């Protein structure tokens, strides 16, 4: 067992907030990057229409369907990278996702079906919880 001096303990504890921020930011970046890449790929191959054309409800359902596992994966990543309390980090990401989804719903309400905007808000915390649980099962 290694014994730490007081100054080493303070240095390690001072780094935890930045490690926590980094863990949540990595999960957010992963989720944003992957969902954006899939959105653009589906537009490029003609599944989704051009940006100027409103998608059908079925295509919004498709977008929601792949966002769920990507949101779970982003929360899993936040939990995995967390220096401690992985569930809290995953749920923090879920809270940020909830806020971003609410802002997106307000800003984009007229550009898609209301159910899609509401669904993105509703799935944020359950996906974060699922990502934390997946990480917890892997650790055991």
N, C-alpha and C. Protein backbone atom coordinates (compact mmCIF):
# COMPACT_ATOMS: atom_id res chain seq x y z
N UNK A 1 0.84 -1.18 0.00
CA UNK A 1 0.00 0.00 0.00
C UNK A 1 0.89 1.24 0.00
N UNK A 2 0.52 2.23 -0.81
CA UNK A 2 1.29 3.45 -0.94
C UNK A 2 0.70 4.52 -0.01
N UNK A 3 1.56 5.23 0.68
CA UNK A 3 1.12 6.32 1.54
C UNK A 3 1.40 7.64 0.82
N UNK A 4 0.39 8.50 0.82
CA UNK A 4 0.53 9.80 0.17
C UNK A 4 0.78 10.89 1.21
N UNK A 5 1.58 11.85 0.84
CA UNK A 5 1.76 13.01 1.71
C UNK A 5 0.57 13.93 1.53
N UNK A 6 0.44 14.90 2.41
CA UNK A 6 -0.68 15.84 2.35
C UNK A 6 -0.70 16.60 1.02
N UNK A 7 0.47 17.01 0.54
CA UNK A 7 0.51 17.77 -0.71
C UNK A 7 0.12 16.90 -1.90
N UNK A 8 0.49 15.62 -1.90
CA UNK A 8 0.10 14.72 -2.99
C UNK A 8 -1.40 14.49 -2.97
N UNK A 9 -1.98 14.37 -1.79
CA UNK A 9 -3.43 14.17 -1.66
C UNK A 9 -4.17 15.37 -2.21
N UNK A 10 -3.73 16.56 -1.88
CA UNK A 10 -4.39 17.78 -2.36
C UNK A 10 -4.28 17.85 -3.88
N UNK A 11 -3.11 17.54 -4.43
CA UNK A 11 -2.93 17.58 -5.88
C UNK A 11 -3.87 16.61 -6.57
N UNK A 12 -3.97 15.40 -6.06
CA UNK A 12 -4.86 14.42 -6.68
C UNK A 12 -6.32 14.85 -6.58
N UNK A 13 -6.74 15.37 -5.44
CA UNK A 13 -8.13 15.80 -5.27
C UNK A 13 -8.45 17.01 -6.12
N UNK A 14 -7.47 17.90 -6.33
CA UNK A 14 -7.69 19.06 -7.18
C UNK A 14 -7.95 18.68 -8.63
N UNK A 15 -7.42 17.56 -9.07
CA UNK A 15 -7.59 17.13 -10.45
C UNK A 15 -8.95 16.49 -10.70
N UNK A 16 -9.61 16.01 -9.68
CA UNK A 16 -10.88 15.32 -9.88
C UNK A 16 -11.95 16.15 -10.58
N UNK A 17 -12.10 17.43 -10.24
CA UNK A 17 -13.13 18.19 -10.97
C UNK A 17 -12.87 18.23 -12.47
N UNK A 18 -11.61 18.37 -12.86
CA UNK A 18 -11.30 18.42 -14.29
C UNK A 18 -11.47 17.06 -14.94
N UNK A 19 -11.17 16.00 -14.20
CA UNK A 19 -11.41 14.66 -14.73
C UNK A 19 -12.90 14.42 -14.90
N UNK A 20 -13.68 14.92 -13.96
CA UNK A 20 -15.13 14.78 -14.05
C UNK A 20 -15.69 15.55 -15.23
N UNK A 21 -15.24 16.78 -15.38
CA UNK A 21 -15.67 17.60 -16.52
C UNK A 21 -15.28 16.92 -17.82
N UNK A 22 -14.07 16.40 -17.87
CA UNK A 22 -13.61 15.71 -19.07
C UNK A 22 -14.43 14.46 -19.39
N UNK A 23 -14.80 13.71 -18.36
CA UNK A 23 -15.60 12.50 -18.57
C UNK A 23 -16.96 12.84 -19.17
N UNK A 24 -17.62 13.84 -18.60
CA UNK A 24 -18.94 14.24 -19.09
C UNK A 24 -18.81 14.87 -20.48
N UNK A 25 -17.80 15.70 -20.68
CA UNK A 25 -17.59 16.32 -22.00
C UNK A 25 -17.31 15.28 -23.07
N UNK A 26 -16.54 14.25 -22.72
CA UNK A 26 -16.25 13.18 -23.69
C UNK A 26 -17.52 12.45 -24.08
N UNK A 27 -18.38 12.17 -23.10
CA UNK A 27 -19.66 11.52 -23.40
C UNK A 27 -20.54 12.39 -24.28
N UNK A 28 -20.56 13.69 -24.00
CA UNK A 28 -21.36 14.62 -24.80
C UNK A 28 -20.80 14.72 -26.22
N UNK A 29 -19.49 14.86 -26.34
CA UNK A 29 -18.86 14.95 -27.66
C UNK A 29 -19.11 13.68 -28.46
N UNK A 30 -18.96 12.51 -27.83
CA UNK A 30 -19.20 11.24 -28.51
C UNK A 30 -20.63 11.19 -29.06
N UNK A 31 -21.58 11.50 -28.20
CA UNK A 31 -22.99 11.44 -28.60
C UNK A 31 -23.27 12.40 -29.75
N UNK A 32 -22.78 13.62 -29.63
CA UNK A 32 -22.99 14.62 -30.67
C UNK A 32 -22.33 14.19 -31.98
N UNK A 33 -21.10 13.73 -31.89
CA UNK A 33 -20.35 13.37 -33.11
C UNK A 33 -20.99 12.19 -33.83
N UNK A 34 -21.37 11.17 -33.09
CA UNK A 34 -21.92 9.97 -33.73
C UNK A 34 -23.31 10.25 -34.32
N UNK A 35 -24.17 10.94 -33.57
CA UNK A 35 -25.50 11.21 -34.12
C UNK A 35 -25.42 12.15 -35.33
N UNK A 36 -24.53 13.12 -35.27
CA UNK A 36 -24.37 14.03 -36.41
C UNK A 36 -23.81 13.28 -37.63
N UNK A 37 -22.86 12.40 -37.40
CA UNK A 37 -22.29 11.62 -38.50
C UNK A 37 -23.35 10.74 -39.16
N UNK A 38 -24.17 10.10 -38.36
CA UNK A 38 -25.23 9.24 -38.93
C UNK A 38 -26.26 10.10 -39.65
N UNK A 39 -26.66 11.23 -39.05
CA UNK A 39 -27.60 12.14 -39.72
C UNK A 39 -27.08 12.53 -41.10
N UNK A 40 -25.82 12.94 -41.15
CA UNK A 40 -25.23 13.39 -42.42
C UNK A 40 -25.09 12.23 -43.41
N UNK A 41 -24.71 11.06 -42.92
CA UNK A 41 -24.59 9.90 -43.81
C UNK A 41 -25.94 9.52 -44.40
N UNK A 42 -26.99 9.57 -43.58
CA UNK A 42 -28.33 9.24 -44.09
C UNK A 42 -28.82 10.29 -45.08
N UNK A 43 -28.42 11.52 -44.89
CA UNK A 43 -28.75 12.55 -45.89
C UNK A 43 -27.98 12.30 -47.19
N UNK A 44 -26.72 11.98 -47.05
CA UNK A 44 -25.86 11.78 -48.23
C UNK A 44 -26.34 10.62 -49.10
N UNK A 45 -26.79 9.53 -48.47
CA UNK A 45 -27.24 8.37 -49.26
C UNK A 45 -28.71 8.46 -49.67
N UNK A 46 -29.38 9.55 -49.27
CA UNK A 46 -30.74 9.79 -49.74
C UNK A 46 -31.85 9.26 -48.84
N UNK A 47 -31.51 8.74 -47.68
CA UNK A 47 -32.57 8.29 -46.77
C UNK A 47 -33.28 9.49 -46.18
N UNK A 48 -32.51 10.47 -45.69
CA UNK A 48 -33.08 11.73 -45.20
C UNK A 48 -33.06 12.73 -46.34
N UNK A 49 -34.08 13.60 -46.42
CA UNK A 49 -34.10 14.62 -47.48
C UNK A 49 -33.12 15.75 -47.15
N UNK A 50 -32.98 16.68 -48.09
CA UNK A 50 -32.14 17.87 -47.86
C UNK A 50 -32.65 18.62 -46.64
N UNK A 51 -31.78 19.47 -46.09
CA UNK A 51 -32.13 20.22 -44.88
C UNK A 51 -33.35 21.11 -45.07
N UNK A 52 -33.58 21.59 -46.26
CA UNK A 52 -34.70 22.50 -46.52
C UNK A 52 -36.05 21.79 -46.54
N UNK A 53 -36.03 20.47 -46.65
CA UNK A 53 -37.26 19.68 -46.74
C UNK A 53 -37.55 19.04 -45.39
N UNK A 54 -38.79 19.17 -44.92
CA UNK A 54 -39.17 18.56 -43.65
C UNK A 54 -39.26 17.05 -43.81
N UNK A 55 -38.67 16.33 -42.86
CA UNK A 55 -38.71 14.86 -42.90
C UNK A 55 -40.10 14.36 -42.51
N UNK A 56 -40.41 13.16 -42.94
CA UNK A 56 -41.66 12.52 -42.54
C UNK A 56 -41.56 12.06 -41.09
N UNK A 57 -42.69 11.77 -40.49
CA UNK A 57 -42.69 11.27 -39.11
C UNK A 57 -41.93 9.95 -39.00
N UNK A 58 -42.02 9.12 -40.02
CA UNK A 58 -41.31 7.84 -40.00
C UNK A 58 -39.80 8.05 -39.94
N UNK A 59 -39.29 9.06 -40.65
CA UNK A 59 -37.86 9.34 -40.62
C UNK A 59 -37.44 9.95 -39.28
N UNK A 60 -38.33 10.75 -38.68
CA UNK A 60 -38.04 11.24 -37.33
C UNK A 60 -38.00 10.08 -36.34
N UNK A 61 -38.87 9.09 -36.53
CA UNK A 61 -38.86 7.91 -35.67
C UNK A 61 -37.55 7.14 -35.84
N UNK A 62 -37.08 7.04 -37.07
CA UNK A 62 -35.78 6.40 -37.32
C UNK A 62 -34.66 7.15 -36.59
N UNK A 63 -34.66 8.47 -36.70
CA UNK A 63 -33.63 9.28 -36.03
C UNK A 63 -33.68 9.07 -34.52
N UNK A 64 -34.87 9.03 -33.96
CA UNK A 64 -35.00 8.79 -32.52
C UNK A 64 -34.51 7.39 -32.16
N UNK A 65 -34.79 6.42 -33.01
CA UNK A 65 -34.41 5.03 -32.73
C UNK A 65 -32.89 4.86 -32.65
N UNK A 66 -32.14 5.55 -33.47
CA UNK A 66 -30.68 5.39 -33.35
C UNK A 66 -30.08 6.35 -32.33
N UNK A 67 -30.79 7.38 -31.97
CA UNK A 67 -30.28 8.26 -30.92
C UNK A 67 -30.29 7.57 -29.55
N UNK A 68 -31.24 6.70 -29.32
CA UNK A 68 -31.34 6.03 -28.02
C UNK A 68 -30.07 5.23 -27.71
N UNK A 69 -29.64 4.30 -28.56
CA UNK A 69 -28.40 3.58 -28.22
C UNK A 69 -27.16 4.47 -28.20
N UNK A 70 -27.15 5.53 -29.03
CA UNK A 70 -26.00 6.44 -29.00
C UNK A 70 -25.97 7.25 -27.70
N UNK A 71 -27.15 7.65 -27.22
CA UNK A 71 -27.23 8.35 -25.93
C UNK A 71 -26.77 7.43 -24.80
N UNK A 72 -27.19 6.18 -24.85
CA UNK A 72 -26.76 5.21 -23.84
C UNK A 72 -25.24 5.04 -23.89
N UNK A 73 -24.70 4.91 -25.09
CA UNK A 73 -23.26 4.74 -25.25
C UNK A 73 -22.48 5.96 -24.74
N UNK A 74 -22.98 7.15 -24.99
CA UNK A 74 -22.32 8.36 -24.49
C UNK A 74 -22.30 8.40 -22.97
N UNK A 75 -23.40 7.98 -22.36
CA UNK A 75 -23.46 7.94 -20.90
C UNK A 75 -22.57 6.84 -20.34
N UNK A 76 -22.50 5.73 -21.03
CA UNK A 76 -21.57 4.66 -20.65
C UNK A 76 -20.14 5.19 -20.66
N UNK A 77 -19.79 5.94 -21.70
CA UNK A 77 -18.45 6.49 -21.80
C UNK A 77 -18.17 7.46 -20.66
N UNK A 78 -19.14 8.32 -20.34
CA UNK A 78 -18.96 9.25 -19.22
C UNK A 78 -18.74 8.49 -17.92
N UNK A 79 -19.51 7.42 -17.71
CA UNK A 79 -19.34 6.61 -16.50
C UNK A 79 -17.98 5.93 -16.48
N UNK A 80 -17.57 5.42 -17.61
CA UNK A 80 -16.28 4.71 -17.70
C UNK A 80 -15.10 5.62 -17.43
N UNK A 81 -15.18 6.85 -17.90
CA UNK A 81 -14.08 7.80 -17.73
C UNK A 81 -14.12 8.54 -16.39
N UNK A 82 -15.20 8.40 -15.67
CA UNK A 82 -15.35 9.13 -14.40
C UNK A 82 -14.30 8.69 -13.39
N UNK A 83 -13.70 9.66 -12.68
CA UNK A 83 -12.70 9.30 -11.67
C UNK A 83 -13.32 8.60 -10.47
N UNK A 84 -14.58 8.86 -10.21
CA UNK A 84 -15.34 8.21 -9.14
C UNK A 84 -16.82 8.50 -9.42
N UNK A 85 -17.70 7.82 -8.73
CA UNK A 85 -19.15 8.02 -8.87
C UNK A 85 -19.61 7.97 -10.33
N UNK A 86 -19.41 6.84 -11.00
CA UNK A 86 -19.74 6.78 -12.43
C UNK A 86 -21.22 7.07 -12.74
N UNK A 87 -22.11 6.63 -11.87
CA UNK A 87 -23.54 6.89 -12.12
C UNK A 87 -23.83 8.38 -12.10
N UNK A 88 -23.22 9.10 -11.19
CA UNK A 88 -23.43 10.55 -11.13
C UNK A 88 -22.96 11.23 -12.41
N UNK A 89 -21.85 10.77 -12.94
CA UNK A 89 -21.33 11.37 -14.18
C UNK A 89 -22.26 11.07 -15.35
N UNK A 90 -22.75 9.84 -15.43
CA UNK A 90 -23.68 9.50 -16.50
C UNK A 90 -24.96 10.32 -16.38
N UNK A 91 -25.47 10.46 -15.15
CA UNK A 91 -26.70 11.24 -14.95
C UNK A 91 -26.46 12.73 -15.18
N UNK A 92 -25.26 13.22 -14.88
CA UNK A 92 -24.94 14.61 -15.20
C UNK A 92 -25.02 14.84 -16.70
N UNK A 93 -24.49 13.89 -17.45
CA UNK A 93 -24.60 13.97 -18.91
C UNK A 93 -26.07 13.93 -19.33
N UNK A 94 -26.84 13.07 -18.69
CA UNK A 94 -28.27 13.02 -18.99
C UNK A 94 -28.97 14.34 -18.71
N UNK A 95 -28.60 14.99 -17.62
CA UNK A 95 -29.17 16.30 -17.31
C UNK A 95 -28.80 17.35 -18.35
N UNK A 96 -27.56 17.32 -18.79
CA UNK A 96 -27.13 18.24 -19.86
C UNK A 96 -27.90 17.92 -21.14
N UNK A 97 -28.04 16.63 -21.44
CA UNK A 97 -28.81 16.23 -22.62
C UNK A 97 -30.26 16.68 -22.54
N UNK A 98 -30.84 16.59 -21.35
CA UNK A 98 -32.22 17.04 -21.15
C UNK A 98 -32.33 18.54 -21.43
N UNK A 99 -31.39 19.31 -20.89
CA UNK A 99 -31.41 20.76 -21.13
C UNK A 99 -31.21 21.10 -22.60
N UNK A 100 -30.26 20.43 -23.25
CA UNK A 100 -30.03 20.68 -24.67
C UNK A 100 -31.24 20.28 -25.52
N UNK A 101 -31.89 19.17 -25.15
CA UNK A 101 -33.08 18.74 -25.87
C UNK A 101 -34.22 19.73 -25.68
N UNK A 102 -34.34 20.30 -24.49
CA UNK A 102 -35.40 21.29 -24.24
C UNK A 102 -35.14 22.56 -25.05
N UNK A 103 -33.89 23.01 -25.08
CA UNK A 103 -33.55 24.19 -25.89
C UNK A 103 -33.79 23.89 -27.37
N UNK A 104 -33.40 22.69 -27.80
CA UNK A 104 -33.64 22.29 -29.19
C UNK A 104 -35.12 22.23 -29.52
N UNK A 105 -35.92 21.76 -28.58
CA UNK A 105 -37.36 21.68 -28.81
C UNK A 105 -37.96 23.08 -29.00
N UNK A 106 -37.51 24.01 -28.18
CA UNK A 106 -38.01 25.39 -28.29
C UNK A 106 -37.56 26.01 -29.62
N UNK A 107 -36.30 25.84 -29.94
CA UNK A 107 -35.75 26.46 -31.15
C UNK A 107 -36.28 25.83 -32.43
N UNK A 108 -36.53 24.52 -32.41
CA UNK A 108 -36.87 23.80 -33.64
C UNK A 108 -38.33 23.31 -33.68
N UNK A 109 -39.18 23.83 -32.81
CA UNK A 109 -40.53 23.30 -32.67
C UNK A 109 -41.28 23.27 -34.00
N UNK A 110 -41.13 24.28 -34.82
CA UNK A 110 -41.86 24.36 -36.09
C UNK A 110 -41.21 23.58 -37.22
N UNK A 111 -40.07 22.95 -36.97
CA UNK A 111 -39.33 22.27 -38.02
C UNK A 111 -39.49 20.75 -37.99
N UNK A 112 -40.30 20.26 -37.11
CA UNK A 112 -40.52 18.82 -37.00
C UNK A 112 -41.72 18.55 -36.12
N UNK A 113 -42.08 17.29 -35.98
CA UNK A 113 -43.24 16.97 -35.14
C UNK A 113 -42.95 17.21 -33.65
N UNK A 114 -43.95 17.69 -32.95
CA UNK A 114 -43.79 17.96 -31.53
C UNK A 114 -43.41 16.72 -30.73
N UNK A 115 -43.93 15.56 -31.14
CA UNK A 115 -43.63 14.33 -30.39
C UNK A 115 -42.14 14.02 -30.41
N UNK A 116 -41.46 14.36 -31.51
CA UNK A 116 -40.03 14.09 -31.61
C UNK A 116 -39.24 14.96 -30.62
N UNK A 117 -39.59 16.22 -30.55
CA UNK A 117 -38.92 17.12 -29.61
C UNK A 117 -39.16 16.67 -28.18
N UNK A 118 -40.38 16.32 -27.86
CA UNK A 118 -40.72 15.87 -26.51
C UNK A 118 -40.02 14.54 -26.20
N UNK A 119 -39.98 13.65 -27.18
CA UNK A 119 -39.33 12.34 -26.97
C UNK A 119 -37.85 12.51 -26.66
N UNK A 120 -37.18 13.44 -27.33
CA UNK A 120 -35.76 13.68 -27.04
C UNK A 120 -35.56 14.16 -25.61
N UNK A 121 -36.48 14.95 -25.11
CA UNK A 121 -36.41 15.40 -23.72
C UNK A 121 -36.64 14.22 -22.78
N UNK A 122 -37.65 13.42 -23.09
CA UNK A 122 -38.05 12.31 -22.22
C UNK A 122 -36.98 11.22 -22.14
N UNK A 123 -36.27 10.95 -23.22
CA UNK A 123 -35.30 9.84 -23.22
C UNK A 123 -33.96 10.20 -22.57
N UNK A 124 -33.69 11.46 -22.36
CA UNK A 124 -32.36 11.88 -21.90
C UNK A 124 -31.95 11.19 -20.60
N UNK A 125 -32.73 11.28 -19.55
CA UNK A 125 -32.34 10.69 -18.27
C UNK A 125 -32.43 9.17 -18.26
N UNK A 126 -33.47 8.55 -18.85
CA UNK A 126 -33.46 7.08 -18.90
C UNK A 126 -32.27 6.50 -19.67
N UNK A 127 -31.85 7.16 -20.75
CA UNK A 127 -30.68 6.70 -21.50
C UNK A 127 -29.42 6.84 -20.65
N UNK A 128 -29.32 7.94 -19.92
CA UNK A 128 -28.17 8.14 -19.04
C UNK A 128 -28.12 7.06 -17.96
N UNK A 129 -29.26 6.78 -17.38
CA UNK A 129 -29.34 5.73 -16.35
C UNK A 129 -28.95 4.38 -16.95
N UNK A 130 -29.45 4.08 -18.14
CA UNK A 130 -29.12 2.81 -18.81
C UNK A 130 -27.63 2.71 -19.10
N UNK A 131 -27.01 3.80 -19.52
CA UNK A 131 -25.57 3.80 -19.76
C UNK A 131 -24.80 3.53 -18.48
N UNK A 132 -25.24 4.12 -17.38
CA UNK A 132 -24.60 3.88 -16.08
C UNK A 132 -24.76 2.43 -15.66
N UNK A 133 -25.95 1.87 -15.87
CA UNK A 133 -26.19 0.47 -15.50
C UNK A 133 -25.36 -0.48 -16.36
N UNK A 134 -25.22 -0.19 -17.63
CA UNK A 134 -24.38 -1.03 -18.50
C UNK A 134 -22.94 -1.01 -18.01
N UNK A 135 -22.47 0.16 -17.60
CA UNK A 135 -21.11 0.25 -17.07
C UNK A 135 -20.99 -0.54 -15.76
N UNK A 136 -21.97 -0.40 -14.88
CA UNK A 136 -21.94 -1.09 -13.60
C UNK A 136 -21.91 -2.61 -13.79
N UNK A 137 -22.65 -3.11 -14.75
CA UNK A 137 -22.66 -4.56 -15.03
C UNK A 137 -21.31 -5.02 -15.55
N UNK A 138 -20.68 -4.21 -16.35
CA UNK A 138 -19.37 -4.58 -16.92
C UNK A 138 -18.30 -4.63 -15.84
N UNK A 139 -18.40 -3.73 -14.87
CA UNK A 139 -17.40 -3.64 -13.81
C UNK A 139 -17.49 -4.84 -12.86
N UNK A 140 -18.69 -5.34 -12.63
CA UNK A 140 -18.86 -6.46 -11.69
C UNK A 140 -18.18 -7.68 -12.12
